[in-house]
């Protein structure tokens, strides 16, 4: 196994360890502090950013391994179509092709499982954050004073980052709509004043005696 595939295997083991740590049942207070630390620590944020770049390279390795499996499979098909004495003479070559097929499939499965587990970890982390937020809300409704702490507020902010961005976009759209309505209102006001001046001018004009 080459160096970069060895690193992918190490990363797969790390992901499995993190996944097992996430699904381990912990007390509510400990779990809240742990996820608050993860969501606020700048080192963890940098680590997550570096992992995103690493997964891009793993995706490239996965595509390359799939391509290699396809090419080796094509070579095996050509060898089977030859048949007879040519196939017997090329027995050692077929063994080499089989070995390459095995290594290519191993690399494909290794990269594929690593990428798939990264998606599972991301989704599991989001679901746990959502669960903690719901538990915070339930405890607040029940009047639990522990649910009003600083950690709960930070955890809620970490889980609602996407919602805040969405609300900001909606607020900007409403500001634009309000500015458009204001311009329309000013135009209507000017037209109303102009018509009022014209009507008052016509009323003030003296009528000629017949």
N, C-alpha and C. Protein backbone atom coordinates (compact mmCIF):
# COMPACT_ATOMS: atom_id res chain seq x y z
N UNK A 1 0.84 -1.20 0.00
CA UNK A 1 0.00 0.00 0.00
C UNK A 1 0.88 1.25 0.00
N UNK A 2 0.60 2.16 -0.93
CA UNK A 2 1.39 3.37 -1.03
C UNK A 2 1.12 4.30 0.15
N UNK A 3 1.93 5.36 0.24
CA UNK A 3 1.87 6.25 1.40
C UNK A 3 0.52 6.95 1.50
N UNK A 4 0.03 7.46 0.36
CA UNK A 4 -1.22 8.23 0.46
C UNK A 4 -2.42 7.34 0.76
N UNK A 5 -2.40 6.10 0.28
CA UNK A 5 -3.49 5.19 0.65
C UNK A 5 -3.35 4.75 2.10
N UNK A 6 -2.14 4.69 2.61
CA UNK A 6 -1.96 4.41 4.05
C UNK A 6 -2.52 5.56 4.89
N UNK A 7 -2.32 6.79 4.43
CA UNK A 7 -2.89 7.94 5.14
C UNK A 7 -4.41 7.92 5.07
N UNK A 8 -4.96 7.50 3.94
CA UNK A 8 -6.42 7.38 3.83
C UNK A 8 -6.95 6.33 4.80
N UNK A 9 -6.21 5.24 4.95
CA UNK A 9 -6.62 4.21 5.91
C UNK A 9 -6.57 4.74 7.33
N UNK A 10 -5.53 5.50 7.67
CA UNK A 10 -5.44 6.10 9.00
C UNK A 10 -6.61 7.06 9.23
N UNK A 11 -6.95 7.84 8.21
CA UNK A 11 -8.08 8.76 8.32
C UNK A 11 -9.39 8.01 8.51
N UNK A 12 -9.53 6.87 7.84
CA UNK A 12 -10.72 6.05 8.02
C UNK A 12 -10.83 5.55 9.46
N UNK A 13 -9.71 5.13 10.05
CA UNK A 13 -9.72 4.69 11.43
C UNK A 13 -10.08 5.85 12.39
N UNK A 14 -9.57 7.05 12.08
CA UNK A 14 -9.90 8.22 12.90
C UNK A 14 -11.39 8.53 12.81
N UNK A 15 -11.95 8.45 11.61
CA UNK A 15 -13.38 8.70 11.44
C UNK A 15 -14.22 7.68 12.21
N UNK A 16 -13.81 6.43 12.17
CA UNK A 16 -14.54 5.41 12.92
C UNK A 16 -14.48 5.68 14.42
N UNK A 17 -13.31 6.13 14.89
CA UNK A 17 -13.18 6.45 16.32
C UNK A 17 -14.07 7.63 16.70
N UNK A 18 -14.08 8.67 15.85
CA UNK A 18 -14.92 9.84 16.13
C UNK A 18 -16.40 9.47 16.11
N UNK A 19 -16.78 8.62 15.16
CA UNK A 19 -18.17 8.21 15.08
C UNK A 19 -18.59 7.43 16.33
N UNK A 20 -17.72 6.53 16.79
CA UNK A 20 -18.03 5.79 18.02
C UNK A 20 -18.12 6.73 19.21
N UNK A 21 -17.27 7.78 19.24
CA UNK A 21 -17.32 8.74 20.34
C UNK A 21 -18.61 9.57 20.29
N UNK A 22 -19.10 9.84 19.09
CA UNK A 22 -20.33 10.64 18.97
C UNK A 22 -21.56 9.87 19.44
N UNK A 23 -21.59 8.58 19.17
CA UNK A 23 -22.78 7.80 19.50
C UNK A 23 -22.74 7.22 20.92
N UNK A 24 -21.65 7.44 21.63
CA UNK A 24 -21.58 6.97 23.02
C UNK A 24 -22.56 7.78 23.88
N UNK A 25 -23.43 7.12 24.62
CA UNK A 25 -24.37 7.88 25.47
C UNK A 25 -23.65 8.59 26.61
N UNK A 26 -23.86 9.90 26.71
CA UNK A 26 -23.23 10.72 27.75
C UNK A 26 -24.31 11.49 28.50
N UNK A 27 -24.01 11.91 29.72
CA UNK A 27 -24.96 12.79 30.44
C UNK A 27 -25.19 14.08 29.66
N UNK A 28 -26.37 14.66 29.87
CA UNK A 28 -26.76 15.83 29.09
C UNK A 28 -25.79 16.99 29.29
N UNK A 29 -25.39 17.26 30.52
CA UNK A 29 -24.51 18.39 30.80
C UNK A 29 -23.15 18.20 30.14
N UNK A 30 -22.61 17.00 30.24
CA UNK A 30 -21.31 16.72 29.63
C UNK A 30 -21.38 16.83 28.11
N UNK A 31 -22.46 16.31 27.53
CA UNK A 31 -22.60 16.38 26.08
C UNK A 31 -22.74 17.82 25.61
N UNK A 32 -23.48 18.64 26.37
CA UNK A 32 -23.65 20.04 25.99
C UNK A 32 -22.32 20.79 26.04
N UNK A 33 -21.53 20.57 27.08
CA UNK A 33 -20.23 21.23 27.17
C UNK A 33 -19.28 20.76 26.07
N UNK A 34 -19.34 19.47 25.75
CA UNK A 34 -18.46 18.93 24.72
C UNK A 34 -18.76 19.55 23.36
N UNK A 35 -20.03 19.61 23.00
CA UNK A 35 -20.38 20.15 21.69
C UNK A 35 -20.24 21.67 21.65
N UNK A 36 -20.39 22.33 22.79
CA UNK A 36 -20.12 23.77 22.83
C UNK A 36 -18.63 24.03 22.60
N UNK A 37 -17.78 23.20 23.19
CA UNK A 37 -16.34 23.32 22.97
C UNK A 37 -15.98 23.07 21.51
N UNK A 38 -16.59 22.05 20.90
CA UNK A 38 -16.29 21.74 19.50
C UNK A 38 -16.72 22.86 18.58
N UNK A 39 -17.88 23.46 18.85
CA UNK A 39 -18.41 24.50 17.97
C UNK A 39 -17.70 25.83 18.13
N UNK A 40 -16.99 26.04 19.26
CA UNK A 40 -16.37 27.34 19.52
C UNK A 40 -14.85 27.34 19.38
N UNK A 41 -14.22 26.19 19.51
CA UNK A 41 -12.76 26.15 19.50
C UNK A 41 -12.23 26.49 18.10
N UNK A 42 -11.35 27.50 17.98
CA UNK A 42 -10.82 27.85 16.65
C UNK A 42 -9.93 26.76 16.06
N UNK A 43 -9.26 25.99 16.90
CA UNK A 43 -8.43 24.90 16.38
C UNK A 43 -9.29 23.83 15.72
N UNK A 44 -10.43 23.55 16.31
CA UNK A 44 -11.35 22.58 15.71
C UNK A 44 -11.87 23.10 14.38
N UNK A 45 -12.15 24.40 14.30
CA UNK A 45 -12.61 24.99 13.04
C UNK A 45 -11.54 24.88 11.95
N UNK A 46 -10.28 25.14 12.32
CA UNK A 46 -9.20 25.00 11.35
C UNK A 46 -9.02 23.54 10.92
N UNK A 47 -9.18 22.64 11.89
CA UNK A 47 -9.07 21.21 11.57
C UNK A 47 -10.17 20.78 10.60
N UNK A 48 -11.39 21.27 10.82
CA UNK A 48 -12.48 20.94 9.91
C UNK A 48 -12.24 21.49 8.52
N UNK A 49 -11.68 22.70 8.44
CA UNK A 49 -11.37 23.28 7.13
C UNK A 49 -10.30 22.46 6.41
N UNK A 50 -9.27 22.05 7.15
CA UNK A 50 -8.24 21.21 6.55
C UNK A 50 -8.78 19.87 6.09
N UNK A 51 -9.74 19.31 6.85
CA UNK A 51 -10.31 18.03 6.47
C UNK A 51 -11.13 18.15 5.19
N UNK A 52 -11.79 19.30 4.99
CA UNK A 52 -12.54 19.49 3.75
C UNK A 52 -11.62 19.45 2.54
N UNK A 53 -10.45 20.09 2.67
CA UNK A 53 -9.48 20.05 1.57
C UNK A 53 -8.95 18.63 1.38
N UNK A 54 -8.73 17.91 2.49
CA UNK A 54 -8.24 16.54 2.39
C UNK A 54 -9.25 15.64 1.69
N UNK A 55 -10.53 15.83 1.96
CA UNK A 55 -11.56 15.01 1.33
C UNK A 55 -11.66 15.28 -0.17
N UNK A 56 -11.27 16.47 -0.60
CA UNK A 56 -11.23 16.74 -2.04
C UNK A 56 -10.18 15.87 -2.71
N UNK A 57 -9.01 15.76 -2.07
CA UNK A 57 -7.96 14.89 -2.62
C UNK A 57 -8.38 13.41 -2.56
N UNK A 58 -9.08 13.03 -1.51
CA UNK A 58 -9.56 11.64 -1.43
C UNK A 58 -10.58 11.36 -2.53
N UNK A 59 -11.41 12.34 -2.83
CA UNK A 59 -12.36 12.18 -3.94
C UNK A 59 -11.62 11.97 -5.26
N UNK A 60 -10.53 12.71 -5.45
CA UNK A 60 -9.72 12.52 -6.68
C UNK A 60 -9.13 11.11 -6.71
N UNK A 61 -8.63 10.62 -5.56
CA UNK A 61 -8.10 9.26 -5.50
C UNK A 61 -9.20 8.23 -5.77
N UNK A 62 -10.40 8.50 -5.28
CA UNK A 62 -11.51 7.57 -5.52
C UNK A 62 -11.86 7.50 -7.01
N UNK A 63 -11.91 8.64 -7.67
CA UNK A 63 -12.19 8.65 -9.11
C UNK A 63 -11.08 7.92 -9.87
N UNK A 64 -9.83 8.12 -9.47
CA UNK A 64 -8.71 7.44 -10.13
C UNK A 64 -8.78 5.93 -9.92
N UNK A 65 -9.15 5.50 -8.71
CA UNK A 65 -9.24 4.06 -8.45
C UNK A 65 -10.38 3.42 -9.23
N UNK A 66 -11.50 4.14 -9.37
CA UNK A 66 -12.61 3.62 -10.18
C UNK A 66 -12.18 3.47 -11.63
N UNK A 67 -11.43 4.45 -12.12
CA UNK A 67 -10.92 4.37 -13.49
C UNK A 67 -9.98 3.18 -13.67
N UNK A 68 -9.13 2.94 -12.67
CA UNK A 68 -8.21 1.81 -12.75
C UNK A 68 -8.96 0.48 -12.74
N UNK A 69 -9.99 0.38 -11.90
CA UNK A 69 -10.78 -0.85 -11.87
C UNK A 69 -11.43 -1.10 -13.23
N UNK A 70 -11.94 -0.05 -13.83
CA UNK A 70 -12.58 -0.19 -15.15
C UNK A 70 -11.57 -0.66 -16.19
N UNK A 71 -10.36 -0.09 -16.18
CA UNK A 71 -9.36 -0.49 -17.17
C UNK A 71 -8.89 -1.93 -16.96
N UNK A 72 -8.71 -2.31 -15.69
CA UNK A 72 -8.27 -3.70 -15.43
C UNK A 72 -9.36 -4.68 -15.83
N UNK A 73 -10.62 -4.31 -15.58
CA UNK A 73 -11.72 -5.18 -15.98
C UNK A 73 -11.78 -5.33 -17.49
N UNK A 74 -11.46 -4.26 -18.20
CA UNK A 74 -11.42 -4.34 -19.67
C UNK A 74 -10.29 -5.26 -20.13
N UNK A 75 -9.14 -5.21 -19.48
CA UNK A 75 -8.03 -6.09 -19.83
C UNK A 75 -8.39 -7.55 -19.59
N UNK A 76 -9.08 -7.83 -18.47
CA UNK A 76 -9.48 -9.20 -18.20
C UNK A 76 -10.48 -9.70 -19.24
N UNK A 77 -11.36 -8.85 -19.67
CA UNK A 77 -12.33 -9.25 -20.69
C UNK A 77 -11.63 -9.58 -22.01
N UNK A 78 -10.64 -8.78 -22.35
CA UNK A 78 -9.89 -9.06 -23.58
C UNK A 78 -9.12 -10.36 -23.46
N UNK A 79 -8.56 -10.65 -22.28
CA UNK A 79 -7.81 -11.89 -22.08
C UNK A 79 -8.73 -13.11 -22.18
N UNK A 80 -9.95 -13.00 -21.67
CA UNK A 80 -10.89 -14.12 -21.77
C UNK A 80 -11.32 -14.36 -23.20
N UNK A 81 -11.44 -13.29 -23.97
CA UNK A 81 -11.86 -13.44 -25.36
C UNK A 81 -10.78 -14.08 -26.23
N UNK A 82 -9.53 -13.97 -25.83
CA UNK A 82 -8.45 -14.58 -26.61
C UNK A 82 -8.54 -16.09 -26.55
N UNK A 83 -8.61 -16.68 -25.35
CA UNK A 83 -8.80 -18.12 -25.18
C UNK A 83 -7.63 -18.95 -25.70
N UNK A 84 -7.73 -20.31 -25.55
CA UNK A 84 -6.81 -21.28 -26.12
C UNK A 84 -5.39 -21.14 -25.64
N UNK A 85 -4.47 -21.39 -26.57
CA UNK A 85 -3.04 -21.39 -26.24
C UNK A 85 -2.55 -20.02 -25.86
N UNK A 86 -3.13 -18.99 -26.47
CA UNK A 86 -2.69 -17.64 -26.14
C UNK A 86 -2.97 -17.33 -24.68
N UNK A 87 -4.12 -17.78 -24.18
CA UNK A 87 -4.46 -17.56 -22.79
C UNK A 87 -3.55 -18.35 -21.88
N UNK A 88 -3.19 -19.61 -22.28
CA UNK A 88 -2.29 -20.41 -21.45
C UNK A 88 -0.90 -19.81 -21.38
N UNK A 89 -0.45 -19.23 -22.53
CA UNK A 89 0.87 -18.62 -22.54
C UNK A 89 0.91 -17.35 -21.72
N UNK A 90 -0.24 -16.70 -21.65
CA UNK A 90 -0.29 -15.43 -20.92
C UNK A 90 -0.84 -15.62 -19.50
N UNK A 91 -0.61 -16.80 -18.92
CA UNK A 91 -1.13 -17.06 -17.59
C UNK A 91 -0.55 -16.15 -16.53
N UNK A 92 0.77 -15.94 -16.63
CA UNK A 92 1.42 -15.07 -15.65
C UNK A 92 0.92 -13.63 -15.77
N UNK A 93 0.68 -13.22 -17.03
CA UNK A 93 0.16 -11.86 -17.23
C UNK A 93 -1.24 -11.73 -16.63
N UNK A 94 -2.04 -12.78 -16.77
CA UNK A 94 -3.39 -12.74 -16.18
C UNK A 94 -3.32 -12.67 -14.67
N UNK A 95 -2.35 -13.36 -14.07
CA UNK A 95 -2.20 -13.28 -12.62
C UNK A 95 -1.83 -11.85 -12.20
N UNK A 96 -0.99 -11.21 -13.00
CA UNK A 96 -0.62 -9.83 -12.69
C UNK A 96 -1.83 -8.91 -12.82
N UNK A 97 -2.64 -9.15 -13.84
CA UNK A 97 -3.84 -8.34 -14.02
C UNK A 97 -4.82 -8.56 -12.87
N UNK A 98 -4.94 -9.80 -12.42
CA UNK A 98 -5.82 -10.09 -11.29
C UNK A 98 -5.34 -9.38 -10.02
N UNK A 99 -4.02 -9.38 -9.84
CA UNK A 99 -3.47 -8.68 -8.66
C UNK A 99 -3.75 -7.18 -8.75
N UNK A 100 -3.57 -6.60 -9.94
CA UNK A 100 -3.87 -5.18 -10.10
C UNK A 100 -5.35 -4.89 -9.87
N UNK A 101 -6.19 -5.82 -10.30
CA UNK A 101 -7.63 -5.65 -10.07
C UNK A 101 -7.94 -5.66 -8.58
N UNK A 102 -7.30 -6.55 -7.84
CA UNK A 102 -7.53 -6.63 -6.40
C UNK A 102 -7.11 -5.33 -5.71
N UNK A 103 -5.91 -4.83 -6.06
CA UNK A 103 -5.42 -3.60 -5.43
C UNK A 103 -6.28 -2.40 -5.82
N UNK A 104 -6.72 -2.36 -7.05
CA UNK A 104 -7.56 -1.24 -7.49
C UNK A 104 -8.90 -1.26 -6.77
N UNK A 105 -9.50 -2.44 -6.63
CA UNK A 105 -10.76 -2.54 -5.91
C UNK A 105 -10.58 -2.18 -4.44
N UNK A 106 -9.46 -2.62 -3.85
CA UNK A 106 -9.19 -2.27 -2.45
C UNK A 106 -9.10 -0.76 -2.28
N UNK A 107 -8.37 -0.11 -3.15
CA UNK A 107 -8.23 1.35 -3.06
C UNK A 107 -9.57 2.05 -3.29
N UNK A 108 -10.37 1.53 -4.21
CA UNK A 108 -11.67 2.13 -4.47
C UNK A 108 -12.58 2.02 -3.24
N UNK A 109 -12.62 0.84 -2.63
CA UNK A 109 -13.45 0.65 -1.43
C UNK A 109 -12.93 1.50 -0.27
N UNK A 110 -11.60 1.59 -0.14
CA UNK A 110 -11.02 2.37 0.95
C UNK A 110 -11.41 3.85 0.84
N UNK A 111 -11.22 4.43 -0.35
CA UNK A 111 -11.58 5.84 -0.55
C UNK A 111 -13.08 6.06 -0.47
N UNK A 112 -13.84 5.11 -1.03
CA UNK A 112 -15.30 5.25 -1.01
C UNK A 112 -15.86 5.23 0.40
N UNK A 113 -15.39 4.28 1.22
CA UNK A 113 -15.88 4.20 2.60
C UNK A 113 -15.44 5.42 3.41
N UNK A 114 -14.25 5.94 3.13
CA UNK A 114 -13.79 7.14 3.85
C UNK A 114 -14.68 8.33 3.53
N UNK A 115 -14.99 8.54 2.26
CA UNK A 115 -15.87 9.64 1.87
C UNK A 115 -17.28 9.46 2.43
N UNK A 116 -17.79 8.23 2.36
CA UNK A 116 -19.14 7.96 2.84
C UNK A 116 -19.24 8.19 4.35
N UNK A 117 -18.22 7.76 5.08
CA UNK A 117 -18.23 7.95 6.53
C UNK A 117 -18.11 9.42 6.90
N UNK A 118 -17.42 10.21 6.07
CA UNK A 118 -17.33 11.65 6.35
C UNK A 118 -18.71 12.30 6.25
N UNK A 119 -19.51 11.88 5.28
CA UNK A 119 -20.87 12.40 5.16
C UNK A 119 -21.72 11.98 6.36
N UNK A 120 -21.54 10.74 6.80
CA UNK A 120 -22.30 10.26 7.96
C UNK A 120 -21.91 11.05 9.21
N UNK A 121 -20.62 11.32 9.38
CA UNK A 121 -20.17 12.09 10.55
C UNK A 121 -20.76 13.50 10.54
N UNK A 122 -20.75 14.13 9.38
CA UNK A 122 -21.30 15.48 9.27
C UNK A 122 -22.78 15.49 9.62
N UNK A 123 -23.52 14.52 9.08
CA UNK A 123 -24.96 14.46 9.35
C UNK A 123 -25.23 14.11 10.81
N UNK A 124 -24.45 13.21 11.38
CA UNK A 124 -24.64 12.83 12.79
C UNK A 124 -24.38 14.01 13.71
N UNK A 125 -23.33 14.79 13.40
CA UNK A 125 -23.02 15.98 14.21
C UNK A 125 -24.17 16.99 14.15
N UNK A 126 -24.73 17.20 12.96
CA UNK A 126 -25.84 18.13 12.82
C UNK A 126 -27.08 17.64 13.58
N UNK A 127 -27.35 16.35 13.50
CA UNK A 127 -28.51 15.80 14.20
C UNK A 127 -28.35 15.91 15.72
N UNK A 128 -27.15 15.68 16.22
CA UNK A 128 -26.93 15.80 17.66
C UNK A 128 -27.10 17.25 18.11
N UNK A 129 -26.61 18.20 17.30
CA UNK A 129 -26.81 19.61 17.63
C UNK A 129 -28.30 19.97 17.67
N UNK A 130 -29.04 19.48 16.68
CA UNK A 130 -30.48 19.74 16.66
C UNK A 130 -31.17 19.12 17.87
N UNK A 131 -30.74 17.92 18.26
CA UNK A 131 -31.33 17.27 19.43
C UNK A 131 -31.05 18.06 20.71
N UNK A 132 -29.82 18.55 20.85
CA UNK A 132 -29.47 19.35 22.02
C UNK A 132 -30.27 20.65 22.07
N UNK A 133 -30.46 21.27 20.92
CA UNK A 133 -31.26 22.50 20.88
C UNK A 133 -32.70 22.24 21.30
N UNK A 134 -33.27 21.11 20.82
CA UNK A 134 -34.64 20.78 21.21
C UNK A 134 -34.73 20.47 22.70
N UNK A 135 -33.73 19.79 23.23
CA UNK A 135 -33.72 19.52 24.67
C UNK A 135 -33.62 20.82 25.47
N UNK A 136 -32.83 21.78 24.95
CA UNK A 136 -32.73 23.08 25.62
C UNK A 136 -34.10 23.77 25.66
N UNK A 137 -34.80 23.74 24.53
CA UNK A 137 -36.11 24.38 24.48
C UNK A 137 -37.09 23.71 25.43
N UNK A 138 -37.04 22.38 25.48
CA UNK A 138 -37.96 21.66 26.38
C UNK A 138 -37.67 22.01 27.84
N UNK A 139 -36.38 22.08 28.18
CA UNK A 139 -36.04 22.42 29.56
C UNK A 139 -36.43 23.86 29.89
N UNK A 140 -36.33 24.77 28.90
CA UNK A 140 -36.77 26.14 29.15
C UNK A 140 -38.26 26.21 29.38
N UNK A 141 -39.01 25.45 28.58
CA UNK A 141 -40.46 25.43 28.75
C UNK A 141 -40.86 24.83 30.09
N UNK A 142 -40.05 23.87 30.56
CA UNK A 142 -40.34 23.25 31.84
C UNK A 142 -39.85 24.08 33.03
N UNK A 143 -39.11 25.17 32.74
CA UNK A 143 -38.64 26.04 33.81
C UNK A 143 -37.38 25.58 34.47
N UNK A 144 -36.55 24.83 33.77
CA UNK A 144 -35.28 24.36 34.34
C UNK A 144 -34.28 25.52 34.31
N UNK A 145 -33.75 25.97 35.45
CA UNK A 145 -32.79 27.09 35.44
C UNK A 145 -31.47 26.75 34.79
N UNK A 146 -31.10 25.49 34.73
CA UNK A 146 -29.84 25.11 34.12
C UNK A 146 -29.85 25.32 32.60
N UNK A 147 -31.05 25.40 32.04
CA UNK A 147 -31.16 25.59 30.59
C UNK A 147 -30.95 27.02 30.16
N UNK A 148 -30.73 27.94 31.11
CA UNK A 148 -30.55 29.34 30.77
C UNK A 148 -29.09 29.76 30.78
N UNK A 149 -28.19 28.80 30.80
CA UNK A 149 -26.78 29.11 30.94
C UNK A 149 -26.15 29.63 29.66
N UNK A 150 -24.89 29.99 29.79
CA UNK A 150 -24.15 30.56 28.67
C UNK A 150 -23.86 29.50 27.61
N UNK A 151 -23.62 28.28 28.03
CA UNK A 151 -23.32 27.22 27.07
C UNK A 151 -24.50 26.94 26.16
N UNK A 152 -25.70 26.98 26.70
CA UNK A 152 -26.87 26.70 25.89
C UNK A 152 -27.07 27.76 24.82
N UNK A 153 -26.81 29.02 25.18
CA UNK A 153 -26.96 30.10 24.20
C UNK A 153 -25.94 29.94 23.08
N UNK A 154 -24.69 29.62 23.42
CA UNK A 154 -23.67 29.44 22.39
C UNK A 154 -23.96 28.23 21.52
N UNK A 155 -24.48 27.18 22.14
CA UNK A 155 -24.81 26.00 21.37
C UNK A 155 -25.95 26.28 20.40
N UNK A 156 -26.90 27.05 20.84
CA UNK A 156 -28.01 27.43 19.97
C UNK A 156 -27.52 28.28 18.81
N UNK A 157 -26.57 29.19 19.10
CA UNK A 157 -26.03 30.02 18.03
C UNK A 157 -25.25 29.18 17.03
N UNK A 158 -24.52 28.18 17.52
CA UNK A 158 -23.76 27.32 16.61
C UNK A 158 -24.68 26.50 15.73
N UNK A 159 -25.80 26.05 16.27
CA UNK A 159 -26.73 25.24 15.48
C UNK A 159 -27.58 26.04 14.53
N UNK A 160 -27.75 27.36 14.82
CA UNK A 160 -28.64 28.20 14.02
C UNK A 160 -27.88 29.13 13.09
N UNK A 161 -26.64 28.81 12.77
CA UNK A 161 -25.86 29.70 11.88
C UNK A 161 -26.50 29.78 10.51
N UNK A 162 -26.95 28.65 10.00
CA UNK A 162 -27.60 28.68 8.69
C UNK A 162 -28.90 29.45 8.72
N UNK A 163 -29.68 29.34 9.81
CA UNK A 163 -30.93 30.07 9.92
C UNK A 163 -30.68 31.57 9.99
N UNK A 164 -29.62 31.99 10.67
CA UNK A 164 -29.30 33.42 10.77
C UNK A 164 -28.98 33.99 9.39
N UNK A 165 -28.19 33.25 8.61
CA UNK A 165 -27.89 33.71 7.26
C UNK A 165 -29.14 33.82 6.40
N UNK A 166 -30.05 32.86 6.57
CA UNK A 166 -31.29 32.89 5.80
C UNK A 166 -32.15 34.09 6.20
N UNK A 167 -32.20 34.37 7.51
CA UNK A 167 -32.98 35.52 7.98
C UNK A 167 -32.36 36.84 7.51
N UNK A 168 -31.03 36.91 7.45
CA UNK A 168 -30.38 38.11 6.95
C UNK A 168 -30.74 38.37 5.49
N UNK A 169 -30.79 37.31 4.70
CA UNK A 169 -31.17 37.47 3.30
C UNK A 169 -32.61 37.94 3.18
N UNK A 170 -33.50 37.38 4.01
CA UNK A 170 -34.89 37.82 3.98
C UNK A 170 -35.03 39.28 4.41
N UNK A 171 -34.24 39.68 5.41
CA UNK A 171 -34.29 41.07 5.87
C UNK A 171 -33.80 42.02 4.79
N UNK A 172 -32.74 41.63 4.08
CA UNK A 172 -32.24 42.48 3.00
C UNK A 172 -33.27 42.60 1.89
N UNK A 173 -33.98 41.51 1.59
CA UNK A 173 -35.01 41.55 0.56
C UNK A 173 -36.15 42.46 0.98
N UNK A 174 -36.53 42.42 2.25
CA UNK A 174 -37.60 43.29 2.74
C UNK A 174 -37.17 44.75 2.72
N UNK A 175 -35.89 45.01 3.01
CA UNK A 175 -35.40 46.39 2.92
C UNK A 175 -35.48 46.92 1.49
N UNK A 176 -35.14 46.06 0.54
CA UNK A 176 -35.25 46.49 -0.86
C UNK A 176 -36.70 46.73 -1.25
N UNK A 177 -37.60 45.85 -0.79
CA UNK A 177 -39.02 46.05 -1.09
C UNK A 177 -39.54 47.33 -0.46
N UNK A 178 -39.07 47.62 0.76
CA UNK A 178 -39.51 48.84 1.44
C UNK A 178 -39.01 50.09 0.72
N UNK A 179 -37.77 50.03 0.22
CA UNK A 179 -37.25 51.18 -0.53
C UNK A 179 -38.04 51.38 -1.82
N UNK A 180 -38.43 50.27 -2.48
CA UNK A 180 -39.23 50.39 -3.70
C UNK A 180 -40.60 50.99 -3.40
N UNK A 181 -41.24 50.54 -2.32
CA UNK A 181 -42.53 51.08 -1.94
C UNK A 181 -42.43 52.56 -1.56
N UNK A 182 -41.33 52.93 -0.94
CA UNK A 182 -41.13 54.33 -0.57
C UNK A 182 -41.04 55.21 -1.80
N UNK A 183 -40.31 54.74 -2.83
CA UNK A 183 -40.20 55.51 -4.06
C UNK A 183 -41.54 55.62 -4.74
N UNK A 184 -42.31 54.53 -4.77
CA UNK A 184 -43.64 54.58 -5.37
C UNK A 184 -44.55 55.53 -4.61
N UNK A 185 -44.45 55.53 -3.28
CA UNK A 185 -45.27 56.42 -2.47
C UNK A 185 -44.92 57.88 -2.73
N UNK A 186 -43.61 58.17 -2.87
CA UNK A 186 -43.21 59.54 -3.16
C UNK A 186 -43.72 59.99 -4.53
N UNK A 187 -43.68 59.09 -5.53
CA UNK A 187 -44.19 59.44 -6.85
C UNK A 187 -45.68 59.71 -6.83
N UNK A 188 -46.43 58.84 -6.11
CA UNK A 188 -47.88 59.05 -6.00
C UNK A 188 -48.19 60.35 -5.27
N UNK A 189 -47.38 60.66 -4.25
CA UNK A 189 -47.60 61.90 -3.51
C UNK A 189 -47.37 63.12 -4.39
N UNK A 190 -46.33 63.08 -5.22
CA UNK A 190 -46.08 64.20 -6.13
C UNK A 190 -47.22 64.37 -7.14
N UNK A 191 -47.69 63.25 -7.68
CA UNK A 191 -48.80 63.33 -8.63
C UNK A 191 -50.07 63.86 -7.96
N UNK A 192 -50.31 63.43 -6.74
CA UNK A 192 -51.49 63.91 -6.01
C UNK A 192 -51.40 65.41 -5.77
N UNK A 193 -50.21 65.89 -5.39
CA UNK A 193 -50.04 67.33 -5.17
C UNK A 193 -50.21 68.12 -6.46
N UNK A 194 -49.70 67.57 -7.57
CA UNK A 194 -49.85 68.25 -8.86
C UNK A 194 -51.31 68.35 -9.27
N UNK A 195 -52.05 67.23 -9.11
CA UNK A 195 -53.48 67.26 -9.44
C UNK A 195 -54.24 68.20 -8.52
N UNK A 196 -53.85 68.24 -7.25
CA UNK A 196 -54.51 69.16 -6.32
C UNK A 196 -54.28 70.60 -6.71
N UNK A 197 -53.05 70.92 -7.13
CA UNK A 197 -52.77 72.29 -7.56
C UNK A 197 -53.57 72.66 -8.81
N UNK A 198 -53.69 71.71 -9.74
CA UNK A 198 -54.46 71.99 -10.95
C UNK A 198 -55.93 72.20 -10.65
N UNK A 199 -56.49 71.37 -9.77
CA UNK A 199 -57.90 71.53 -9.42
C UNK A 199 -58.15 72.82 -8.68
N UNK A 200 -57.26 73.18 -7.76
CA UNK A 200 -57.43 74.43 -7.03
C UNK A 200 -57.27 75.63 -7.95
N UNK A 201 -56.40 75.54 -8.99
CA UNK A 201 -56.24 76.62 -9.95
C UNK A 201 -57.47 76.82 -10.81
N UNK A 202 -58.08 75.69 -11.19
CA UNK A 202 -59.30 75.79 -11.97
C UNK A 202 -60.45 76.37 -11.15
N UNK A 203 -60.55 76.04 -9.88
CA UNK A 203 -61.63 76.56 -9.03
C UNK A 203 -61.46 78.04 -8.76
N UNK A 204 -60.22 78.54 -8.71
CA UNK A 204 -59.98 79.93 -8.42
C UNK A 204 -60.12 80.83 -9.63
N UNK A 205 -60.25 80.26 -10.86
CA UNK A 205 -60.41 81.07 -12.08
C UNK A 205 -61.80 81.67 -12.12
N UNK A 206 -61.98 83.03 -12.26
CA UNK A 206 -63.34 83.63 -12.27
C UNK A 206 -64.08 83.26 -13.54
N UNK A 207 -65.38 83.02 -13.39
CA UNK A 207 -66.23 82.65 -14.51
C UNK A 207 -66.73 83.92 -15.21
N UNK A 208 -66.78 83.90 -16.54
CA UNK A 208 -67.23 85.03 -17.34
C UNK A 208 -68.75 85.08 -17.37
N UNK A 209 -69.28 86.34 -17.30
CA UNK A 209 -70.74 86.52 -17.37
C UNK A 209 -71.21 86.37 -18.82
N UNK A 210 -72.28 85.70 -18.98
CA UNK A 210 -72.82 85.52 -20.31
C UNK A 210 -73.64 86.76 -20.74
